[in-house]
Protein backbone atom coordinates (compact mmCIF):
# COMPACT_ATOMS: atom_id res chain seq x y z
CA MET A 1 -7.46 -24.43 -2.25
CA ASN A 2 -5.69 -21.09 -1.90
CA LEU A 3 -2.48 -20.13 -0.18
CA ALA A 4 -2.38 -16.75 1.58
CA LEU A 5 0.59 -14.77 2.88
CA TYR A 6 -0.16 -12.55 5.86
CA HIS A 7 2.02 -9.42 5.92
CA PRO A 8 4.93 -10.96 3.97
CA GLN A 9 8.27 -9.32 4.75
CA ILE A 10 10.84 -11.05 2.55
CA PRO A 11 10.46 -10.60 -1.22
CA GLN A 12 12.34 -13.79 -2.06
CA ASN A 13 9.83 -15.89 -0.09
CA THR A 14 6.91 -14.21 -1.81
CA GLY A 15 8.53 -14.66 -5.22
CA THR A 16 9.21 -18.32 -4.50
CA LEU A 17 5.58 -18.90 -3.51
CA LEU A 18 4.28 -17.00 -6.55
CA ARG A 19 6.37 -19.36 -8.64
CA LEU A 20 5.03 -22.40 -6.76
CA ALA A 21 1.43 -21.18 -7.16
CA SER A 22 1.98 -20.72 -10.87
CA CYS A 23 3.42 -24.22 -11.27
CA ILE A 24 0.69 -26.07 -9.37
CA GLY A 25 -2.27 -23.91 -10.39
CA ILE A 26 -3.42 -22.39 -7.11
CA GLN A 27 -4.29 -18.82 -6.21
CA LEU A 28 -1.95 -16.92 -3.91
CA ASP A 29 -3.53 -14.22 -1.75
CA LEU A 30 -1.18 -11.50 -0.48
CA ILE A 31 -2.33 -9.51 2.53
CA ARG A 32 -0.88 -6.05 3.13
CA PRO A 33 1.15 -4.49 4.59
CA PHE A 34 4.21 -5.91 2.85
CA GLY A 35 7.76 -5.44 4.08
CA PHE A 36 8.92 -4.66 0.53
CA ILE A 37 7.79 -2.95 -2.65
CA PHE A 38 5.93 -5.44 -4.83
CA SER A 39 8.11 -4.59 -7.83
CA ASP A 40 11.28 -5.47 -5.84
CA LYS A 41 14.00 -7.08 -7.97
CA LYS A 42 14.50 -9.81 -5.33
CA LEU A 43 10.84 -10.79 -5.68
CA LYS A 44 11.21 -10.92 -9.45
CA ARG A 45 14.45 -12.91 -9.25
CA ALA A 46 12.87 -15.57 -7.01
CA GLY A 47 9.63 -15.70 -9.01
CA MET A 48 11.42 -15.55 -12.36
CA ASP A 49 9.09 -15.29 -15.33
CA TYR A 50 6.48 -17.43 -13.54
CA ILE A 51 5.00 -14.37 -11.80
CA GLN A 52 3.33 -13.33 -15.04
CA PHE A 53 1.43 -16.64 -15.05
CA ALA A 54 0.63 -16.71 -11.34
CA ASP A 55 -2.94 -16.30 -10.17
CA TYR A 56 -2.64 -13.88 -7.26
CA LYS A 57 -4.70 -11.26 -5.52
CA ILE A 58 -3.52 -8.44 -3.26
CA HIS A 59 -5.71 -7.52 -0.27
CA ASP A 60 -5.32 -4.15 1.45
CA SER A 61 -5.95 -5.56 4.93
CA PHE A 62 -6.68 -8.74 6.83
CA GLU A 63 -10.22 -7.47 7.48
CA LYS A 64 -10.91 -7.09 3.75
CA PHE A 65 -9.39 -10.52 3.09
CA CYS A 66 -11.69 -12.08 5.73
CA GLU A 67 -14.73 -10.28 4.31
CA GLU A 68 -14.03 -11.55 0.82
CA TYR A 69 -13.56 -15.14 1.96
CA SER A 70 -16.12 -15.23 4.79
CA GLU A 71 -17.61 -18.48 3.43
CA ARG A 72 -14.30 -20.33 3.35
CA ARG A 73 -12.31 -22.02 6.09
CA LEU A 74 -9.01 -20.39 7.01
CA VAL A 75 -6.21 -22.69 8.19
CA ALA A 76 -3.27 -20.92 9.84
CA LEU A 77 0.21 -22.36 9.84
CA ASP A 78 1.10 -21.55 13.45
CA ILE A 79 3.48 -22.92 16.07
CA GLY A 80 1.05 -22.40 18.97
CA ILE A 81 0.24 -25.15 21.43
CA ASP A 82 -3.34 -25.43 20.15
CA SER A 83 -2.14 -26.34 16.65
CA VAL A 84 -2.73 -29.76 15.12
CA SER A 85 0.12 -31.49 13.31
CA HIS A 86 -0.20 -30.64 9.61
CA HIS A 87 -0.37 -34.32 8.63
CA ASP A 88 -3.14 -35.11 11.16
CA PHE A 89 -5.41 -32.28 10.01
CA MET A 90 -8.22 -33.06 7.54
CA TYR A 91 -8.08 -30.51 4.72
CA GLN A 92 -11.01 -29.50 2.54
CA SER A 93 -10.82 -28.42 -1.09
CA ASN A 94 -11.98 -24.86 -0.40
CA ASP A 95 -9.58 -24.23 2.52
CA ILE A 96 -7.27 -21.25 2.49
CA LEU A 97 -3.92 -22.07 4.03
CA ILE A 98 -2.61 -18.84 5.54
CA VAL A 99 1.03 -18.32 6.51
CA GLY A 100 2.06 -15.62 8.96
CA SER A 101 4.66 -12.92 8.57
CA GLU A 102 8.27 -14.08 8.60
CA HIS A 103 9.08 -11.58 11.36
CA TYR A 104 6.17 -11.88 13.80
CA GLY A 105 3.73 -14.54 12.63
CA PHE A 106 0.20 -13.20 13.18
CA LEU A 107 -1.07 -10.27 15.19
CA GLY A 108 -2.98 -11.72 18.14
CA GLU A 109 -6.35 -10.25 17.24
CA ASP A 110 -6.06 -11.57 13.69
CA LEU A 111 -4.96 -15.06 14.73
CA GLU A 112 -8.02 -15.26 17.01
CA LYS A 113 -10.21 -15.00 13.89
CA ILE A 114 -8.66 -18.17 12.43
CA ARG A 115 -10.17 -21.24 14.06
CA CYS A 116 -8.06 -23.95 12.40
CA ARG A 117 -4.34 -24.05 13.11
CA VAL A 118 -1.73 -26.50 11.96
CA SER A 119 1.96 -26.82 12.69
CA ILE A 120 4.89 -28.82 11.37
CA PRO A 121 6.52 -31.12 13.93
CA MET A 122 10.13 -30.07 14.54
CA LEU A 123 12.96 -31.01 16.84
CA SER A 124 12.84 -29.33 20.23
CA GLN A 125 14.71 -26.07 20.72
CA ARG A 126 14.12 -25.05 17.10
CA ARG A 127 12.22 -21.79 16.59
CA SER A 128 11.01 -21.98 13.03
CA MET A 129 11.79 -22.90 9.46
CA ASN A 130 11.72 -20.81 6.30
CA MET A 131 8.19 -19.61 5.60
CA ALA A 132 8.18 -20.62 1.93
CA ILE A 133 9.42 -24.12 2.72
CA ALA A 134 6.89 -24.52 5.53
CA ALA A 135 4.06 -23.34 3.28
CA ALA A 136 5.11 -25.77 0.55
CA MET A 137 5.27 -28.67 3.03
CA VAL A 138 1.78 -28.07 4.41
CA LEU A 139 0.34 -27.36 0.97
CA SER A 140 1.83 -30.63 -0.27
CA GLU A 141 0.17 -32.57 2.55
CA ALA A 142 -3.18 -30.90 1.84
CA MET A 143 -2.89 -31.62 -1.88
CA SER A 144 -1.98 -35.23 -1.14
CA GLN A 145 -5.04 -35.70 1.06
CA LEU A 146 -7.24 -34.14 -1.63
CA ASN A 147 -5.64 -36.22 -4.41
CA VAL A 148 -4.65 -33.10 -6.34
CA TRP A 149 -1.27 -34.55 -7.31
CA SER A 150 -2.96 -37.22 -9.43
CA PHE A 151 -4.96 -34.55 -11.22
CA LEU A 152 -1.84 -32.47 -11.91
CA GLN A 153 -0.01 -35.54 -13.18
CA SER A 154 -2.85 -36.20 -15.65
CA GLN A 155 -2.59 -32.60 -16.88
CA ARG A 156 1.15 -32.74 -17.45
CA VAL A 157 2.28 -32.31 -21.03
CA ILE A 158 5.48 -34.15 -21.87
């Protein structure tokens, strides 16, 4: 399973998710344009020294990202009415969980290309939660369903 960030705008969120990806052994796909310079000190502060160990790939556009992963299922984290609750969705091991931009989510024409959409249930009259936290919550549910946590526990060196 991969995690993808669509047009990330906040370097601290990207750094946090690079760190998460490094710790749990998943690939993070970053889709341009970014709202920051990739060498930003805020990105490095949030990612700490884990960024050097992170498995990540930068894609120049959403179109190129889709071309590269045309055989894989994209799952958008989206608050739209046609989204399925993230804990009711059945994840597959080759899914790519894709999180929209912190400022505007997904561009309409790009979101239309993503058939699977999940959302996190929230109290009414709440707009959204932090993108990095939301991504971690949904990723955790997917990893639980796929029994990845047991594998990671068996790999842990004490």
